[in-house]
Amino acid sequence: AEHKADLNHPIVSAASIIAKVTRDREIEKIKQKIKIDFGSGYPADPKTQAFIKNNHDKYDIFRTTWKTYKNIAQTKQQTSLNTFNQ
């Protein structure tokens, strides 16, 4: 892969724009389907992170190989030590 290929090759730049627009449209379709605004869908988005944390086991829309999803799902499955001390 060429570093900065989108700057050096107009076709790569065009493909990048098309991919982003397509992704954004798909995200909007999902939001309309489940009737929840979960933010941008990107891992750095706090709104997206909160949505995953609260809904990771409710919808089949998540990319389960995504590190953010795995971390949240794993944390939710773990039992804290405080549970055993009560």
C-alpha atoms as a PDB file:
ATOM      1  CA  ALA A   1       0.000   0.000   0.000  1.00  0.00           C
ATOM      2  CA  GLU A   2       1.234   3.420  -0.876  1.00  0.00           C
ATOM      3  CA  HIS A   3       1.350   6.048   1.847  1.00  0.00           C
ATOM      4  CA  LYS A   4      -0.918   9.011   0.988  1.00  0.00           C
ATOM      5  CA  ALA A   5      -2.199   7.246  -2.136  1.00  0.00           C
ATOM      6  CA  ASP A   6      -5.376   9.313  -1.976  1.00  0.00           C
ATOM      7  CA  LEU A   7      -3.285  12.462  -2.431  1.00  0.00           C
ATOM      8  CA  ASN A   8      -1.202  11.012  -5.259  1.00  0.00           C
ATOM      9  CA  HIS A   9      -3.918   9.240  -7.251  1.00  0.00           C
ATOM     10  CA  PRO A  10      -7.306  10.841  -7.946  1.00  0.00           C
ATOM     11  CA  ILE A  11      -8.965   7.428  -8.398  1.00  0.00           C
ATOM     12  CA  VAL A  12      -7.944   6.410  -4.883  1.00  0.00           C
ATOM     13  CA  SER A  13      -9.248   9.697  -3.528  1.00  0.00           C
ATOM     14  CA  ALA A  14     -12.566   9.154  -5.314  1.00  0.00           C
ATOM     15  CA  ALA A  15     -12.835   5.592  -3.991  1.00  0.00           C
ATOM     16  CA  SER A  16     -12.195   6.830  -0.462  1.00  0.00           C
ATOM     17  CA  ILE A  17     -14.973   9.405  -0.740  1.00  0.00           C
ATOM     18  CA  ILE A  18     -17.395   6.848  -2.184  1.00  0.00           C
ATOM     19  CA  ALA A  19     -16.587   4.405   0.628  1.00  0.00           C
ATOM     20  CA  LYS A  20     -17.190   7.038   3.320  1.00  0.00           C
ATOM     21  CA  VAL A  21     -20.473   8.204   1.793  1.00  0.00           C
ATOM     22  CA  THR A  22     -21.642   4.587   1.448  1.00  0.00           C
ATOM     23  CA  ARG A  23     -20.698   3.843   5.070  1.00  0.00           C
ATOM     24  CA  ASP A  24     -22.489   6.957   6.323  1.00  0.00           C
ATOM     25  CA  ARG A  25     -25.642   5.977   4.435  1.00  0.00           C
ATOM     26  CA  GLU A  26     -25.552   2.457   5.880  1.00  0.00           C
ATOM     27  CA  ILE A  27     -25.125   3.871   9.392  1.00  0.00           C
ATOM     28  CA  GLU A  28     -28.201   6.054   8.839  1.00  0.00           C
ATOM     29  CA  LYS A  29     -30.194   3.023   7.643  1.00  0.00           C
ATOM     30  CA  ILE A  30     -29.283   1.146  10.823  1.00  0.00           C
ATOM     31  CA  LYS A  31     -30.291   4.121  12.983  1.00  0.00           C
ATOM     32  CA  GLN A  32     -33.663   4.288  11.243  1.00  0.00           C
ATOM     33  CA  LYS A  33     -34.167   0.538  11.584  1.00  0.00           C
ATOM     34  CA  ILE A  34     -33.502   0.377  15.319  1.00  0.00           C
ATOM     35  CA  LYS A  35     -34.770   3.923  16.017  1.00  0.00           C
ATOM     36  CA  ILE A  36     -31.755   4.887  18.106  1.00  0.00           C
ATOM     37  CA  ASP A  37     -29.115   7.529  17.409  1.00  0.00           C
ATOM     38  CA  PHE A  38     -25.873   5.837  18.420  1.00  0.00           C
ATOM     39  CA  GLY A  39     -23.522   8.491  17.087  1.00  0.00           C
ATOM     40  CA  SER A  40     -21.096   8.125  14.204  1.00  0.00           C
ATOM     41  CA  GLY A  41     -20.432   4.418  14.600  1.00  0.00           C
ATOM     42  CA  TYR A  42     -16.700   5.052  14.958  1.00  0.00           C
ATOM     43  CA  PRO A  43     -14.831   3.581  17.949  1.00  0.00           C
ATOM     44  CA  ALA A  44     -13.608   6.957  19.268  1.00  0.00           C
ATOM     45  CA  ASP A  45     -17.166   8.338  19.454  1.00  0.00           C
ATOM     46  CA  PRO A  46     -18.329   8.359  23.111  1.00  0.00           C
ATOM     47  CA  LYS A  47     -21.980   8.079  22.023  1.00  0.00           C
ATOM     48  CA  THR A  48     -21.155   4.966  19.976  1.00  0.00           C
ATOM     49  CA  GLN A  49     -19.190   3.489  22.877  1.00  0.00           C
ATOM     50  CA  ALA A  50     -22.079   4.061  25.283  1.00  0.00           C
ATOM     51  CA  PHE A  51     -24.521   2.486  22.838  1.00  0.00           C
ATOM     52  CA  ILE A  52     -22.365  -0.624  22.495  1.00  0.00           C
ATOM     53  CA  LYS A  53     -21.912  -0.843  26.261  1.00  0.00           C
ATOM     54  CA  ASN A  54     -25.674  -0.744  26.841  1.00  0.00           C
ATOM     55  CA  ASN A  55     -26.779  -2.801  23.826  1.00  0.00           C
ATOM     56  CA  HIS A  56     -23.969  -5.160  22.826  1.00  0.00           C
ATOM     57  CA  ASP A  57     -26.196  -8.188  23.361  1.00  0.00           C
ATOM     58  CA  LYS A  58     -29.477  -6.729  22.044  1.00  0.00           C
ATOM     59  CA  TYR A  59     -28.767  -6.217  18.344  1.00  0.00           C
ATOM     60  CA  ASP A  60     -27.025  -8.220  15.630  1.00  0.00           C
ATOM     61  CA  ILE A  61     -25.608  -5.084  13.996  1.00  0.00           C
ATOM     62  CA  PHE A  62     -22.190  -5.052  15.624  1.00  0.00           C
ATOM     63  CA  ARG A  63     -18.931  -6.031  14.027  1.00  0.00           C
ATOM     64  CA  THR A  64     -18.025  -8.586  16.655  1.00  0.00           C
ATOM     65  CA  THR A  65     -14.401  -8.732  15.499  1.00  0.00           C
ATOM     66  CA  TRP A  66     -14.035  -5.028  16.326  1.00  0.00           C
ATOM     67  CA  LYS A  67     -11.709  -4.500  19.307  1.00  0.00           C
ATOM     68  CA  THR A  68     -14.050  -1.954  20.887  1.00  0.00           C
ATOM     69  CA  TYR A  69     -16.934  -4.447  20.795  1.00  0.00           C
ATOM     70  CA  LYS A  70     -14.789  -7.293  22.129  1.00  0.00           C
ATOM     71  CA  ASN A  71     -13.527  -5.198  25.044  1.00  0.00           C
ATOM     72  CA  ILE A  72     -17.008  -4.059  26.041  1.00  0.00           C
ATOM     73  CA  ALA A  73     -18.581  -7.507  25.660  1.00  0.00           C
ATOM     74  CA  GLN A  74     -15.776  -9.118  27.668  1.00  0.00           C
ATOM     75  CA  THR A  75     -16.066  -6.539  30.447  1.00  0.00           C
ATOM     76  CA  LYS A  76     -19.829  -7.083  30.633  1.00  0.00           C
ATOM     77  CA  GLN A  77     -19.353 -10.864  30.935  1.00  0.00           C
ATOM     78  CA  GLN A  78     -16.883 -10.627  33.790  1.00  0.00           C
ATOM     79  CA  THR A  79     -18.106 -10.781  37.354  1.00  0.00           C
ATOM     80  CA  SER A  80     -16.516  -8.402  39.810  1.00  0.00           C
ATOM     81  CA  LEU A  81     -14.941  -9.713  43.000  1.00  0.00           C
ATOM     82  CA  ASN A  82     -17.414  -7.602  44.986  1.00  0.00           C
ATOM     83  CA  THR A  83     -20.177  -9.948  43.820  1.00  0.00           C
ATOM     84  CA  PHE A  84     -18.540 -12.836  45.670  1.00  0.00           C
ATOM     85  CA  ASN A  85     -17.948 -10.856  48.868  1.00  0.00           C
ATOM     86  CA  GLN A  86     -21.613 -10.054  49.423  1.00  0.00           C
END
